[in-house]
């Protein structure tokens, strides 16, 4: 990527799974593109981009679940502006796989921007997944594929930054390869309690709808509480941005509304990641039950029943995980999940 920063082209598509820190990658790459030294991390150009105060680096905004045509046209309009500084006009469009979804897919609106960009404009696109419907878009970009960090890498980084070894272990396991999520979770004293809450679900379900509803409500409240450490981190980051702006002689943080909108999107993603992690913990409980039942005497009717019930429970949790991608209401999802798991 350093070579890409030294010899840039008009568009890059950076992809990777949840946990590969796409936003952080695209932000630091934008700084490298603007930096005279191609990413020193210390000069004024790098500081402006990394604090998201560079007026020539624009993060396109999406109002709904999918990208709309008018939103991409606005990004194209900004991309045709002449940069104010000596660097490039950089337009960042995140989650471009969402140009292929919704009632009116908008990927075609992106093609014009990529086919006819001004000489000093660079588009940085990100996607967790690159579906076949994006082939035309990806063919006009240099593709960079990322992967998440390993648990060992995350644990080592957290300990190096001063975290307790045990806390770093738990946070690394729950972060799904995402360093920023790991840095938030290592500050969360309630993380172990939430994991235990998920793992206790099968034992607490006693076949009555009242208990299943209570469990769904408890987990929903725990998800609300899980956002608090992230909000604290965001408040600290905003305070740093305010301080940096004052040192540069600015009265306020540039693009503050965009940053706050980004924070809200991050909170939503964090909540979804937390819910997915909980579903994984729940799946592991049923897998343990399945392994125990398979190890038991195969002639026992109870063991055979537990094998079948465990398999069906794993399928139910997997279906809940899939439904998360459809923007379903979390409360409805949790209630449906607990009611379905009562049978097993």
Protein backbone atom coordinates (compact mmCIF):
# COMPACT_ATOMS: atom_id res chain seq x y z
CA UNK A 1 0.00 0.00 0.00
CA UNK A 2 3.01 2.28 0.44
CA UNK A 3 3.78 1.67 -3.23
CA UNK A 4 0.16 2.48 -4.10
CA UNK A 5 0.50 5.75 -2.15
CA UNK A 6 3.68 6.65 -4.05
CA UNK A 7 2.18 5.82 -7.45
CA UNK A 8 -1.58 6.31 -7.03
CA UNK A 9 -4.31 5.50 -9.52
CA UNK A 10 -7.80 6.96 -9.67
CA UNK A 11 -9.65 4.34 -7.57
CA UNK A 12 -9.08 1.63 -4.99
CA UNK A 13 -11.50 -0.99 -3.67
CA UNK A 14 -10.42 -2.13 -0.20
CA UNK A 15 -12.29 -5.20 1.01
CA UNK A 16 -12.19 -7.47 4.01
CA UNK A 17 -14.39 -9.24 6.56
CA UNK A 18 -15.87 -7.75 9.71
CA UNK A 19 -12.88 -7.10 11.93
CA UNK A 20 -10.43 -6.09 9.20
CA UNK A 21 -10.62 -2.41 10.25
CA UNK A 22 -11.66 -1.10 6.85
CA UNK A 23 -12.40 2.42 8.09
CA UNK A 24 -9.04 2.78 9.83
CA UNK A 25 -7.27 1.41 6.77
CA UNK A 26 -8.92 3.79 4.33
CA UNK A 27 -8.30 6.75 6.66
CA UNK A 28 -4.58 6.03 7.04
CA UNK A 29 -4.26 5.33 3.31
CA UNK A 30 -5.87 8.70 2.57
CA UNK A 31 -3.28 10.31 4.88
CA UNK A 32 -0.49 8.53 2.98
CA UNK A 33 -1.87 9.80 -0.33
CA UNK A 34 -1.87 13.40 0.94
CA UNK A 35 1.50 13.18 2.74
CA UNK A 36 4.63 14.45 0.90
CA UNK A 37 6.50 11.50 2.47
CA UNK A 38 3.71 9.04 1.56
CA UNK A 39 2.60 8.38 5.12
CA UNK A 40 4.99 9.69 7.79
CA UNK A 41 2.13 10.04 10.29
CA UNK A 42 3.53 13.23 11.83
CA UNK A 43 3.35 16.05 9.29
CA UNK A 44 0.53 18.57 9.03
CA UNK A 45 -1.02 16.74 6.07
CA UNK A 46 -1.16 13.46 8.00
CA UNK A 47 -2.53 15.15 11.12
CA UNK A 48 -5.31 16.83 9.15
CA UNK A 49 -6.44 13.60 7.50
CA UNK A 50 -6.12 11.38 10.57
CA UNK A 51 -8.13 13.86 12.64
CA UNK A 52 -10.65 13.95 9.74
CA UNK A 53 -10.17 17.69 9.35
CA UNK A 54 -8.77 17.71 5.79
CA UNK A 55 -11.32 19.51 3.57
CA UNK A 56 -10.02 17.56 0.56
CA UNK A 57 -10.91 14.17 2.08
CA UNK A 58 -14.66 13.62 1.90
CA UNK A 59 -16.54 10.68 3.45
CA UNK A 60 -19.76 10.19 1.52
CA UNK A 61 -22.90 9.91 3.68
CA UNK A 62 -25.59 7.25 3.38
CA UNK A 63 -28.99 7.98 4.95
CA UNK A 64 -30.58 4.55 4.68
CA UNK A 65 -29.68 0.87 4.64
CA UNK A 66 -28.63 1.01 0.95
CA UNK A 67 -26.88 3.65 -1.14
CA UNK A 68 -29.24 5.86 -3.12
CA UNK A 69 -28.50 7.23 -6.58
CA UNK A 70 -28.69 10.87 -5.44
CA UNK A 71 -26.16 10.19 -2.65
CA UNK A 72 -23.66 8.80 -5.16
CA UNK A 73 -24.29 11.72 -7.50
CA UNK A 74 -23.45 14.07 -4.63
CA UNK A 75 -20.20 12.14 -4.08
CA UNK A 76 -19.47 12.52 -7.80
CA UNK A 77 -20.10 16.28 -7.59
CA UNK A 78 -17.61 16.60 -4.75
CA UNK A 79 -15.13 14.42 -6.61
CA UNK A 80 -15.12 16.92 -9.48
CA UNK A 81 -14.02 19.78 -7.24
CA UNK A 82 -10.48 21.06 -7.48
CA UNK A 83 -8.57 20.23 -4.27
CA UNK A 84 -7.88 23.20 -2.00
CA UNK A 85 -4.42 21.95 -1.04
CA UNK A 86 -1.44 20.58 -2.92
CA UNK A 87 -2.64 16.97 -2.67
CA UNK A 88 -5.65 15.15 -4.05
CA UNK A 89 -9.41 15.44 -3.82
CA UNK A 90 -10.20 12.12 -2.09
CA UNK A 91 -13.72 10.72 -1.96
CA UNK A 92 -14.38 7.79 0.39
CA UNK A 93 -17.44 5.63 -0.19
CA UNK A 94 -17.79 2.88 2.40
CA UNK A 95 -19.88 -0.31 2.18
CA UNK A 96 -20.17 -0.17 -1.60
CA UNK A 97 -21.73 -3.64 -1.60
CA UNK A 98 -24.84 -1.75 -0.49
CA UNK A 99 -25.06 -0.17 -3.96
CA UNK A 100 -26.35 -3.54 -5.18
CA UNK A 101 -29.17 -3.90 -2.63
CA UNK A 102 -32.51 -2.21 -1.99
CA UNK A 103 -35.43 -1.51 -4.27
CA UNK A 104 -33.30 0.59 -6.67
CA UNK A 105 -29.68 -0.65 -6.89
CA UNK A 106 -27.34 2.30 -7.44
CA UNK A 107 -24.05 0.69 -8.53
CA UNK A 108 -24.47 2.06 -12.06
CA UNK A 109 -24.39 5.61 -10.67
CA UNK A 110 -20.93 4.89 -9.31
CA UNK A 111 -19.52 3.80 -12.66
CA UNK A 112 -19.52 7.29 -14.20
CA UNK A 113 -17.41 8.59 -11.32
CA UNK A 114 -14.90 5.78 -11.75
CA UNK A 115 -14.75 5.98 -15.55
CA UNK A 116 -14.21 9.73 -15.89
CA UNK A 117 -12.50 11.10 -12.75
CA UNK A 118 -10.59 14.39 -12.79
CA UNK A 119 -6.80 14.02 -12.78
CA UNK A 120 -6.41 15.00 -9.11
CA UNK A 121 -9.32 12.96 -7.72
CA UNK A 122 -8.98 9.55 -6.07
CA UNK A 123 -11.88 7.33 -5.01
CA UNK A 124 -11.44 5.01 -2.04
CA UNK A 125 -14.17 2.37 -1.82
CA UNK A 126 -14.63 -0.21 0.92
CA UNK A 127 -16.67 -3.40 1.13
CA UNK A 128 -16.90 -6.28 3.56
CA UNK A 129 -17.85 -8.50 0.64
CA UNK A 130 -17.54 -8.00 -3.12
CA UNK A 131 -20.56 -9.71 -4.75
CA UNK A 132 -20.67 -10.60 -8.43
CA UNK A 133 -22.96 -7.61 -9.02
CA UNK A 134 -19.95 -5.37 -8.25
CA UNK A 135 -17.72 -6.91 -10.94
CA UNK A 136 -18.05 -3.88 -13.20
CA UNK A 137 -17.16 -1.53 -10.35
CA UNK A 138 -14.23 -3.62 -9.11
CA UNK A 139 -12.82 -3.91 -12.65
CA UNK A 140 -12.28 -0.13 -12.60
CA UNK A 141 -10.37 -0.17 -9.30
CA UNK A 142 -7.19 -1.55 -7.84
CA UNK A 143 -8.37 -4.17 -5.35
CA UNK A 144 -6.77 -4.49 -1.91
CA UNK A 145 -7.97 -7.45 0.17
CA UNK A 146 -7.52 -7.38 3.95
CA UNK A 147 -8.00 -9.93 6.70
CA UNK A 148 -8.69 -9.58 10.41
CA UNK A 149 -5.97 -9.78 13.05
CA UNK A 150 -5.52 -13.04 14.92
CA UNK A 151 -6.44 -13.34 18.59
CA UNK A 152 -2.75 -13.65 19.40
CA UNK A 153 -1.97 -10.39 17.56
CA UNK A 154 -4.80 -8.57 19.30
CA UNK A 155 -3.80 -9.88 22.73
CA UNK A 156 -0.17 -8.85 22.18
CA UNK A 157 -1.17 -5.33 21.08
CA UNK A 158 -3.53 -4.83 24.03
CA UNK A 159 -0.95 -6.02 26.57
CA UNK A 160 1.69 -3.80 24.97
CA UNK A 161 -0.71 -0.87 25.37
CA UNK A 162 -1.00 -1.58 29.09
CA UNK A 163 -4.00 -3.91 29.39
CA UNK A 164 -4.23 -6.67 31.99
CA UNK A 165 -3.32 -10.05 30.47
CA UNK A 166 -6.62 -11.73 31.39
CA UNK A 167 -8.70 -8.77 30.20
CA UNK A 168 -6.72 -8.70 26.94
CA UNK A 169 -7.40 -12.42 26.45
CA UNK A 170 -11.17 -12.02 26.84
CA UNK A 171 -11.31 -8.87 24.67
CA UNK A 172 -9.21 -10.44 21.89
CA UNK A 173 -11.48 -13.47 21.81
CA UNK A 174 -14.60 -11.28 21.55
CA UNK A 175 -13.22 -8.78 19.00
CA UNK A 176 -13.47 -10.97 15.87
CA UNK A 177 -10.13 -9.67 14.60
CA UNK A 178 -11.11 -5.99 14.96
CA UNK A 179 -8.44 -3.97 16.80
CA UNK A 180 -10.69 -1.00 17.52
CA UNK A 181 -13.39 -3.26 18.94
CA UNK A 182 -10.73 -5.01 21.06
CA UNK A 183 -9.54 -1.66 22.42
CA UNK A 184 -13.10 -0.81 23.43
CA UNK A 185 -13.87 -4.22 24.94
CA UNK A 186 -10.72 -4.32 27.06
CA UNK A 187 -12.12 -1.30 28.92
CA UNK A 188 -15.49 -2.99 29.43
CA UNK A 189 -15.76 -4.50 32.91
CA UNK A 190 -19.08 -6.15 32.03
CA UNK A 191 -17.82 -8.13 29.02
CA UNK A 192 -17.30 -11.41 30.90
CA UNK A 193 -20.74 -11.03 32.49
CA UNK A 194 -22.38 -10.63 29.06
CA UNK A 195 -20.61 -13.72 27.75
CA UNK A 196 -21.84 -15.70 30.76
CA UNK A 197 -25.34 -14.34 30.18
CA UNK A 198 -25.41 -15.72 26.64
CA UNK A 199 -23.95 -19.07 27.67
CA UNK A 200 -26.60 -19.45 30.40
CA UNK A 201 -29.52 -19.07 27.98
CA UNK A 202 -30.12 -22.82 27.32
CA UNK A 203 -30.24 -23.65 31.02
CA UNK A 204 -32.53 -20.75 31.87
CA UNK A 205 -35.11 -21.49 29.18
CA UNK A 206 -37.75 -23.57 30.96
CA UNK A 207 -40.43 -23.77 28.28
CA UNK A 208 -42.52 -20.77 29.37
CA UNK A 209 -42.94 -17.71 27.11
CA UNK A 210 -42.52 -15.40 30.12
CA UNK A 211 -38.97 -16.62 30.73
CA UNK A 212 -38.05 -16.37 27.03
CA UNK A 213 -39.38 -12.78 26.91
CA UNK A 214 -37.44 -11.90 30.08
CA UNK A 215 -34.22 -13.33 28.61
CA UNK A 216 -34.71 -11.38 25.39
CA UNK A 217 -35.23 -8.18 27.39
CA UNK A 218 -32.14 -8.81 29.53
CA UNK A 219 -29.94 -9.33 26.49
CA UNK A 220 -31.36 -6.24 24.81
CA UNK A 221 -30.54 -4.13 27.89
CA UNK A 222 -27.04 -5.64 27.99
CA UNK A 223 -26.54 -4.59 24.36
CA UNK A 224 -27.51 -1.03 25.32
CA UNK A 225 -24.95 -1.07 28.13
CA UNK A 226 -22.26 -2.50 25.83
CA UNK A 227 -22.27 0.73 23.80
CA UNK A 228 -21.19 2.86 26.80
CA UNK A 229 -17.42 2.10 26.57
CA UNK A 230 -17.47 2.91 22.84
CA UNK A 231 -19.25 6.20 23.50
CA UNK A 232 -16.56 7.07 26.05
CA UNK A 233 -13.84 6.36 23.48
CA UNK A 234 -15.66 8.52 20.93
CA UNK A 235 -15.99 11.39 23.43
CA UNK A 236 -12.25 11.21 24.07
CA UNK A 237 -11.55 11.24 20.34
CA UNK A 238 -13.79 14.27 19.83
CA UNK A 239 -11.99 16.05 22.68
CA UNK A 240 -8.66 15.34 20.92
CA UNK A 241 -10.07 16.67 17.65
CA UNK A 242 -11.24 19.84 19.39
CA UNK A 243 -7.79 20.31 20.90
CA UNK A 244 -6.08 19.71 17.54
CA UNK A 245 -8.41 22.21 15.86
CA UNK A 246 -7.60 24.86 18.46
CA UNK A 247 -3.88 24.28 18.01
CA UNK A 248 -4.35 24.84 14.27
CA UNK A 249 -6.22 28.09 14.96
CA UNK A 250 -9.66 26.77 14.06
CA UNK A 251 -12.70 27.80 16.10
CA UNK A 252 -14.43 24.45 15.69
CA UNK A 253 -13.83 20.95 14.39
CA UNK A 254 -14.23 20.76 10.64
CA UNK A 255 -16.93 18.35 9.46
CA UNK A 256 -18.15 17.85 13.03
CA UNK A 257 -21.59 16.77 11.86
CA UNK A 258 -20.05 14.17 9.55
CA UNK A 259 -17.89 12.85 12.39
CA UNK A 260 -20.86 12.60 14.73
CA UNK A 261 -22.83 10.77 12.02
CA UNK A 262 -19.89 8.40 11.61
CA UNK A 263 -19.87 7.80 15.38
CA UNK A 264 -23.54 6.85 15.26
CA UNK A 265 -22.91 4.41 12.42
CA UNK A 266 -20.02 2.93 14.37
CA UNK A 267 -22.26 2.46 17.41
CA UNK A 268 -24.79 0.63 15.24
CA UNK A 269 -22.08 -1.63 13.77
CA UNK A 270 -20.65 -2.23 17.24
CA UNK A 271 -24.07 -3.27 18.51
CA UNK A 272 -24.52 -5.69 15.61
CA UNK A 273 -21.02 -7.10 16.20
CA UNK A 274 -21.87 -7.56 19.87
CA UNK A 275 -25.06 -9.40 18.98
CA UNK A 276 -23.22 -11.61 16.49
CA UNK A 277 -20.61 -12.43 19.13
CA UNK A 278 -23.38 -13.39 21.57
CA UNK A 279 -24.94 -15.67 18.97
CA UNK A 280 -21.54 -17.29 18.45
CA UNK A 281 -21.19 -17.88 22.20
CA UNK A 282 -24.67 -19.43 22.23
CA UNK A 283 -23.80 -21.64 19.27
CA UNK A 284 -20.71 -22.89 21.09
CA UNK A 285 -22.88 -23.99 24.04
CA UNK A 286 -25.05 -26.13 21.78
CA UNK A 287 -21.96 -27.51 20.02
CA UNK A 288 -20.55 -28.55 23.39
CA UNK A 289 -23.84 -30.28 24.16
CA UNK A 290 -23.74 -31.99 20.79
CA UNK A 291 -20.20 -33.25 21.38
CA UNK A 292 -21.15 -34.57 24.84
CA UNK A 293 -24.22 -36.34 23.46
CA UNK A 294 -22.25 -37.93 20.63
CA UNK A 295 -19.68 -39.17 23.14
CA UNK A 296 -22.41 -40.81 25.24
CA UNK A 297 -23.84 -44.26 24.66
CA UNK A 298 -25.52 -44.03 21.24
CA UNK A 299 -28.18 -46.45 22.38
CA UNK A 300 -29.61 -44.12 24.97
CA UNK A 301 -32.80 -42.44 23.78
CA UNK A 302 -32.01 -39.31 25.78
CA UNK A 303 -28.60 -38.95 24.11
CA UNK A 304 -30.13 -39.39 20.67
CA UNK A 305 -32.75 -36.77 21.46
CA UNK A 306 -30.08 -34.32 22.70
CA UNK A 307 -28.07 -34.81 19.50
CA UNK A 308 -31.07 -33.93 17.34
CA UNK A 309 -32.12 -31.05 19.60
CA UNK A 310 -28.61 -29.59 19.63
CA UNK A 311 -28.38 -29.70 15.84
CA UNK A 312 -31.77 -28.00 15.47
CA UNK A 313 -30.81 -25.35 18.04
CA UNK A 314 -27.59 -24.58 16.14
CA UNK A 315 -29.66 -24.15 12.96
CA UNK A 316 -32.04 -21.76 14.76
CA UNK A 317 -29.16 -19.60 16.00
CA UNK A 318 -27.58 -19.62 12.51
CA UNK A 319 -30.87 -18.42 11.02
CA UNK A 320 -30.99 -15.57 13.57
CA UNK A 321 -27.48 -14.60 12.52
CA UNK A 322 -28.53 -14.52 8.86
CA UNK A 323 -31.60 -12.41 9.67
CA UNK A 324 -29.34 -9.76 11.22
CA UNK A 325 -28.18 -8.86 7.70
CA UNK A 326 -31.74 -7.95 6.72
CA UNK A 327 -31.91 -5.01 9.14
CA UNK A 328 -34.55 -6.75 11.27
CA UNK A 329 -35.65 -5.21 14.56
CA UNK A 330 -33.38 -6.61 17.29
CA UNK A 331 -36.15 -6.94 19.87
CA UNK A 332 -38.25 -9.01 17.47
CA UNK A 333 -35.21 -11.09 16.54
CA UNK A 334 -34.33 -11.87 20.16
CA UNK A 335 -37.89 -12.73 21.12
CA UNK A 336 -38.26 -15.04 18.11
CA UNK A 337 -34.92 -16.67 18.92
CA UNK A 338 -35.75 -17.36 22.56
CA UNK A 339 -39.21 -18.72 21.71
CA UNK A 340 -37.70 -21.05 19.11
CA UNK A 341 -34.96 -22.28 21.44
CA UNK A 342 -37.54 -23.21 24.12
CA UNK A 343 -38.24 -26.37 22.12
CA UNK A 344 -34.68 -27.66 22.56
